[in-house]
Amino acid sequence: MKIGDKIAKARKTQNLTQEQLADLLNVSRQAVSRWESDLAYPETENLVRLSEILQINCDYLLKDGVNENGEKVVEVKIVKEVPMRRLLNRKFIFMIALLLIGAYFALAGTWNVVMELMQFTAMRRPSGVLIAMGVLGAVGYAMIVCGVILAVGCVRKKEYLFQNPRAEK
């Protein structure tokens, strides 16, 4: 708001006409009119007297962002937050993959070891098949354990399939 608008608003709040204000300041009505139209500015002495007569602070007349009492006014703008695209949580996806692949390996390895042990005496297969299936099962169980550890970490940090962008955290 410009100084002229502030003077006019304060004058009207005090129910004074331009002529009445001019008489109180010992200036012409035209001078007050020019101040309110922002065609001229009051001198320093008149600014001080204006603030006394209109019961406003000089800072209010001269500065932006100051109210009639001379206190700083902070404008708060409410901005609607633009929704940001949520990001896939790679850690969560890796955890799911570990659990699924680990479960497959563990089941396949365990099943084949059991089947080989049951057929071992009858078919006399080489022990390499038994060892390979055992290793496959062990790897599967290890992957499941790693997946569970990642799952516990994800749940503690509340990280799921989709996560908010880092700026919102």
C-alpha atoms as a PDB file:
ATOM      1  CA  MET A   1       0.000   0.000   0.000  1.00  0.00           C
ATOM      2  CA  LYS A   2       1.350   3.438  -0.923  1.00  0.00           C
ATOM      3  CA  ILE A   3       1.778   6.293   1.535  1.00  0.00           C
ATOM      4  CA  GLY A   4      -1.154   8.216   0.045  1.00  0.00           C
ATOM      5  CA  ASP A   5      -3.495   5.257   0.533  1.00  0.00           C
ATOM      6  CA  LYS A   6      -2.290   4.879   4.117  1.00  0.00           C
ATOM      7  CA  ILE A   7      -2.893   8.569   4.905  1.00  0.00           C
ATOM      8  CA  ALA A   8      -6.375   8.486   3.351  1.00  0.00           C
ATOM      9  CA  LYS A   9      -7.305   5.283   5.207  1.00  0.00           C
ATOM     10  CA  ALA A  10      -6.076   6.627   8.550  1.00  0.00           C
ATOM     11  CA  ARG A  11      -7.821   9.989   7.970  1.00  0.00           C
ATOM     12  CA  LYS A  12     -11.116   8.262   7.215  1.00  0.00           C
ATOM     13  CA  THR A  13     -10.707   6.032  10.282  1.00  0.00           C
ATOM     14  CA  GLN A  14     -10.464   9.215  12.401  1.00  0.00           C
ATOM     15  CA  ASN A  15     -13.545  10.650  10.616  1.00  0.00           C
ATOM     16  CA  LEU A  16     -11.630  13.665   9.370  1.00  0.00           C
ATOM     17  CA  THR A  17     -12.062  15.452   6.066  1.00  0.00           C
ATOM     18  CA  GLN A  18      -9.082  16.585   4.038  1.00  0.00           C
ATOM     19  CA  GLU A  19      -9.812  20.163   5.057  1.00  0.00           C
ATOM     20  CA  GLN A  20      -9.997  19.307   8.768  1.00  0.00           C
ATOM     21  CA  LEU A  21      -6.682  17.435   8.567  1.00  0.00           C
ATOM     22  CA  ALA A  22      -5.125  20.316   6.650  1.00  0.00           C
ATOM     23  CA  ASP A  23      -6.233  22.775   9.371  1.00  0.00           C
ATOM     24  CA  LEU A  24      -4.697  20.567  12.109  1.00  0.00           C
ATOM     25  CA  LEU A  25      -1.412  20.417  10.184  1.00  0.00           C
ATOM     26  CA  ASN A  26      -1.435  24.085   9.117  1.00  0.00           C
ATOM     27  CA  VAL A  27      -1.229  23.168   5.426  1.00  0.00           C
ATOM     28  CA  SER A  28      -3.638  23.595   2.532  1.00  0.00           C
ATOM     29  CA  ARG A  29      -6.338  21.105   1.645  1.00  0.00           C
ATOM     30  CA  GLN A  30      -4.660  20.717  -1.752  1.00  0.00           C
ATOM     31  CA  ALA A  31      -1.438  19.579  -0.012  1.00  0.00           C
ATOM     32  CA  VAL A  32      -3.348  16.806   1.769  1.00  0.00           C
ATOM     33  CA  SER A  33      -5.040  15.901  -1.513  1.00  0.00           C
ATOM     34  CA  ARG A  34      -1.640  15.669  -3.275  1.00  0.00           C
ATOM     35  CA  TRP A  35      -0.280  13.448  -0.454  1.00  0.00           C
ATOM     36  CA  GLU A  36      -3.254  11.108  -0.741  1.00  0.00           C
ATOM     37  CA  SER A  37      -2.915  11.007  -4.533  1.00  0.00           C
ATOM     38  CA  ASP A  38       0.822  10.246  -4.248  1.00  0.00           C
ATOM     39  CA  LEU A  39       1.628  13.366  -6.271  1.00  0.00           C
ATOM     40  CA  ALA A  40       3.678  14.754  -3.371  1.00  0.00           C
ATOM     41  CA  TYR A  41       4.994  13.562  -0.032  1.00  0.00           C
ATOM     42  CA  PRO A  42       4.701  15.267   3.330  1.00  0.00           C
ATOM     43  CA  GLU A  43       7.807  16.790   4.874  1.00  0.00           C
ATOM     44  CA  THR A  44       9.353  15.167   7.941  1.00  0.00           C
ATOM     45  CA  GLU A  45       7.661  17.534  10.423  1.00  0.00           C
ATOM     46  CA  ASN A  46       4.296  16.882   8.801  1.00  0.00           C
ATOM     47  CA  LEU A  47       4.880  13.119   8.881  1.00  0.00           C
ATOM     48  CA  VAL A  48       5.470  13.239  12.624  1.00  0.00           C
ATOM     49  CA  ARG A  49       2.384  15.403  13.190  1.00  0.00           C
ATOM     50  CA  LEU A  50       0.333  13.150  10.872  1.00  0.00           C
ATOM     51  CA  SER A  51       1.278  10.126  12.944  1.00  0.00           C
ATOM     52  CA  GLU A  52       0.226  11.927  16.143  1.00  0.00           C
ATOM     53  CA  ILE A  53      -3.064  13.263  14.756  1.00  0.00           C
ATOM     54  CA  LEU A  54      -4.066  10.073  12.943  1.00  0.00           C
ATOM     55  CA  GLN A  55      -2.766   7.876  15.796  1.00  0.00           C
ATOM     56  CA  ILE A  56      -0.563   5.784  13.571  1.00  0.00           C
ATOM     57  CA  ASN A  57       3.144   4.982  13.600  1.00  0.00           C
ATOM     58  CA  CYS A  58       5.574   6.758  11.237  1.00  0.00           C
ATOM     59  CA  ASP A  59       6.957   3.344  10.248  1.00  0.00           C
ATOM     60  CA  TYR A  60       3.474   2.421   9.019  1.00  0.00           C
ATOM     61  CA  LEU A  61       3.467   5.442   6.700  1.00  0.00           C
ATOM     62  CA  LEU A  62       7.008   4.976   5.397  1.00  0.00           C
ATOM     63  CA  LYS A  63       7.507   1.213   5.273  1.00  0.00           C
ATOM     64  CA  ASP A  64       5.740  -1.722   3.733  1.00  0.00           C
ATOM     65  CA  GLY A  65       4.982  -4.712   5.932  1.00  0.00           C
ATOM     66  CA  VAL A  66       4.283  -2.629   9.058  1.00  0.00           C
ATOM     67  CA  ASN A  67       0.870  -2.192  10.661  1.00  0.00           C
ATOM     68  CA  GLU A  68      -0.597   1.011  12.152  1.00  0.00           C
ATOM     69  CA  ASN A  69       1.101   0.299  15.500  1.00  0.00           C
ATOM     70  CA  GLY A  70       4.554   0.012  13.918  1.00  0.00           C
ATOM     71  CA  GLU A  71       4.690  -3.788  14.307  1.00  0.00           C
ATOM     72  CA  LYS A  72       6.054  -5.912  11.505  1.00  0.00           C
ATOM     73  CA  VAL A  73       3.397  -7.828   9.639  1.00  0.00           C
ATOM     74  CA  VAL A  74       4.332 -11.186   8.241  1.00  0.00           C
ATOM     75  CA  GLU A  75       2.189 -12.303   5.360  1.00  0.00           C
ATOM     76  CA  VAL A  76       1.485 -15.991   5.306  1.00  0.00           C
ATOM     77  CA  LYS A  77       0.610 -17.365   1.928  1.00  0.00           C
ATOM     78  CA  ILE A  78      -1.123 -20.689   1.815  1.00  0.00           C
ATOM     79  CA  VAL A  79       0.132 -22.594  -1.161  1.00  0.00           C
ATOM     80  CA  LYS A  80      -1.486 -25.827  -2.134  1.00  0.00           C
ATOM     81  CA  GLU A  81       1.170 -28.450  -2.264  1.00  0.00           C
ATOM     82  CA  VAL A  82       1.494 -30.003  -5.662  1.00  0.00           C
ATOM     83  CA  PRO A  83       1.439 -33.758  -5.200  1.00  0.00           C
ATOM     84  CA  MET A  84       4.738 -35.228  -6.223  1.00  0.00           C
ATOM     85  CA  ARG A  85       5.051 -38.600  -7.862  1.00  0.00           C
ATOM     86  CA  ARG A  86       5.721 -41.259  -5.301  1.00  0.00           C
ATOM     87  CA  LEU A  87       8.885 -43.248  -5.782  1.00  0.00           C
ATOM     88  CA  LEU A  88       9.225 -47.001  -5.872  1.00  0.00           C
ATOM     89  CA  ASN A  89      11.203 -48.203  -2.897  1.00  0.00           C
ATOM     90  CA  ARG A  90      14.004 -50.321  -4.401  1.00  0.00           C
ATOM     91  CA  LYS A  91      14.936 -51.781  -1.031  1.00  0.00           C
ATOM     92  CA  PHE A  92      11.400 -53.086  -0.567  1.00  0.00           C
ATOM     93  CA  ILE A  93      11.353 -54.589  -4.067  1.00  0.00           C
ATOM     94  CA  PHE A  94      14.740 -56.247  -3.446  1.00  0.00           C
ATOM     95  CA  MET A  95      13.399 -57.672  -0.174  1.00  0.00           C
ATOM     96  CA  ILE A  96      10.360 -59.166  -1.928  1.00  0.00           C
ATOM     97  CA  ALA A  97      12.586 -60.667  -4.638  1.00  0.00           C
ATOM     98  CA  LEU A  98      14.895 -62.197  -2.008  1.00  0.00           C
ATOM     99  CA  LEU A  99      11.978 -63.746  -0.183  1.00  0.00           C
ATOM    100  CA  LEU A 100      10.346 -65.176  -3.324  1.00  0.00           C
ATOM    101  CA  ILE A 101      13.499 -66.516  -4.958  1.00  0.00           C
ATOM    102  CA  GLY A 102      14.803 -67.744  -1.592  1.00  0.00           C
ATOM    103  CA  ALA A 103      11.546 -69.578  -0.940  1.00  0.00           C
ATOM    104  CA  TYR A 104      11.715 -71.208  -4.374  1.00  0.00           C
ATOM    105  CA  PHE A 105      15.347 -72.291  -3.911  1.00  0.00           C
ATOM    106  CA  ALA A 106      14.709 -73.543  -0.386  1.00  0.00           C
ATOM    107  CA  LEU A 107      11.671 -75.566  -1.414  1.00  0.00           C
ATOM    108  CA  ALA A 108      13.312 -76.938  -4.560  1.00  0.00           C
ATOM    109  CA  GLY A 109      16.548 -77.807  -2.769  1.00  0.00           C
ATOM    110  CA  THR A 110      14.863 -79.385   0.230  1.00  0.00           C
ATOM    111  CA  TRP A 111      12.392 -81.307  -1.917  1.00  0.00           C
ATOM    112  CA  ASN A 112      15.106 -82.654  -4.216  1.00  0.00           C
ATOM    113  CA  VAL A 113      17.394 -83.605  -1.307  1.00  0.00           C
ATOM    114  CA  VAL A 114      14.571 -85.532   0.316  1.00  0.00           C
ATOM    115  CA  MET A 115      13.680 -87.195  -2.961  1.00  0.00           C
ATOM    116  CA  GLU A 116      17.330 -88.079  -3.681  1.00  0.00           C
ATOM    117  CA  LEU A 117      17.808 -89.533  -0.193  1.00  0.00           C
ATOM    118  CA  MET A 118      14.708 -91.656  -0.624  1.00  0.00           C
ATOM    119  CA  GLN A 119      15.913 -92.870  -4.034  1.00  0.00           C
ATOM    120  CA  PHE A 120      19.648 -92.936  -3.268  1.00  0.00           C
ATOM    121  CA  THR A 121      19.883 -96.575  -2.351  1.00  0.00           C
ATOM    122  CA  ALA A 122      17.695 -97.711  -5.195  1.00  0.00           C
ATOM    123  CA  MET A 123      19.179 -95.677  -8.040  1.00  0.00           C
ATOM    124  CA  ARG A 124      22.756 -95.132  -6.900  1.00  0.00           C
ATOM    125  CA  ARG A 125      23.045 -91.608  -8.317  1.00  0.00           C
ATOM    126  CA  PRO A 126      26.276 -89.712  -7.822  1.00  0.00           C
ATOM    127  CA  SER A 127      26.545 -87.784  -4.553  1.00  0.00           C
ATOM    128  CA  GLY A 128      27.210 -84.554  -6.515  1.00  0.00           C
ATOM    129  CA  VAL A 129      23.474 -84.214  -7.222  1.00  0.00           C
ATOM    130  CA  LEU A 130      22.718 -84.520  -3.523  1.00  0.00           C
ATOM    131  CA  ILE A 131      25.332 -81.894  -2.650  1.00  0.00           C
ATOM    132  CA  ALA A 132      24.086 -79.521  -5.369  1.00  0.00           C
ATOM    133  CA  MET A 133      20.515 -79.775  -4.138  1.00  0.00           C
ATOM    134  CA  GLY A 134      21.665 -79.254  -0.542  1.00  0.00           C
ATOM    135  CA  VAL A 135      23.602 -76.133  -1.539  1.00  0.00           C
ATOM    136  CA  LEU A 136      20.579 -74.865  -3.468  1.00  0.00           C
ATOM    137  CA  GLY A 137      18.393 -75.318  -0.372  1.00  0.00           C
ATOM    138  CA  ALA A 138      20.987 -73.660   1.894  1.00  0.00           C
ATOM    139  CA  VAL A 139      21.236 -70.659  -0.468  1.00  0.00           C
ATOM    140  CA  GLY A 140      17.445 -70.428  -0.498  1.00  0.00           C
ATOM    141  CA  TYR A 141      17.247 -70.384   3.297  1.00  0.00           C
ATOM    142  CA  ALA A 142      20.030 -67.761   3.447  1.00  0.00           C
ATOM    143  CA  MET A 143      18.097 -65.590   0.985  1.00  0.00           C
ATOM    144  CA  ILE A 144      14.960 -65.931   3.116  1.00  0.00           C
ATOM    145  CA  VAL A 145      16.905 -64.844   6.219  1.00  0.00           C
ATOM    146  CA  CYS A 146      18.293 -61.796   4.374  1.00  0.00           C
ATOM    147  CA  GLY A 147      14.816 -60.962   3.082  1.00  0.00           C
ATOM    148  CA  VAL A 148      13.345 -61.153   6.592  1.00  0.00           C
ATOM    149  CA  ILE A 149      16.102 -58.864   7.930  1.00  0.00           C
ATOM    150  CA  LEU A 150      15.311 -56.334   5.180  1.00  0.00           C
ATOM    151  CA  ALA A 151      11.575 -56.680   5.882  1.00  0.00           C
ATOM    152  CA  VAL A 152      12.091 -55.882   9.574  1.00  0.00           C
ATOM    153  CA  GLY A 153      14.141 -52.812   8.610  1.00  0.00           C
ATOM    154  CA  CYS A 154      11.473 -51.660   6.153  1.00  0.00           C
ATOM    155  CA  VAL A 155       8.697 -52.046   8.723  1.00  0.00           C
ATOM    156  CA  ARG A 156      10.664 -50.149  11.388  1.00  0.00           C
ATOM    157  CA  LYS A 157      11.315 -47.247   9.014  1.00  0.00           C
ATOM    158  CA  LYS A 158       7.817 -47.471   7.507  1.00  0.00           C
ATOM    159  CA  GLU A 159       9.236 -48.006   4.029  1.00  0.00           C
ATOM    160  CA  TYR A 160       6.820 -49.865   1.841  1.00  0.00           C
ATOM    161  CA  LEU A 161       6.416 -50.449  -1.896  1.00  0.00           C
ATOM    162  CA  PHE A 162       5.893 -46.745  -2.563  1.00  0.00           C
ATOM    163  CA  GLN A 163       7.600 -44.029  -0.591  1.00  0.00           C
ATOM    164  CA  ASN A 164       7.195 -40.269  -0.498  1.00  0.00           C
ATOM    165  CA  PRO A 165       9.810 -38.160  -2.253  1.00  0.00           C
ATOM    166  CA  ARG A 166      12.703 -37.130  -0.029  1.00  0.00           C
ATOM    167  CA  ALA A 167      11.507 -33.513   0.139  1.00  0.00           C
ATOM    168  CA  GLU A 168       8.358 -34.515   2.038  1.00  0.00           C
ATOM    169  CA  LYS A 169      10.217 -36.482   4.708  1.00  0.00           C
END
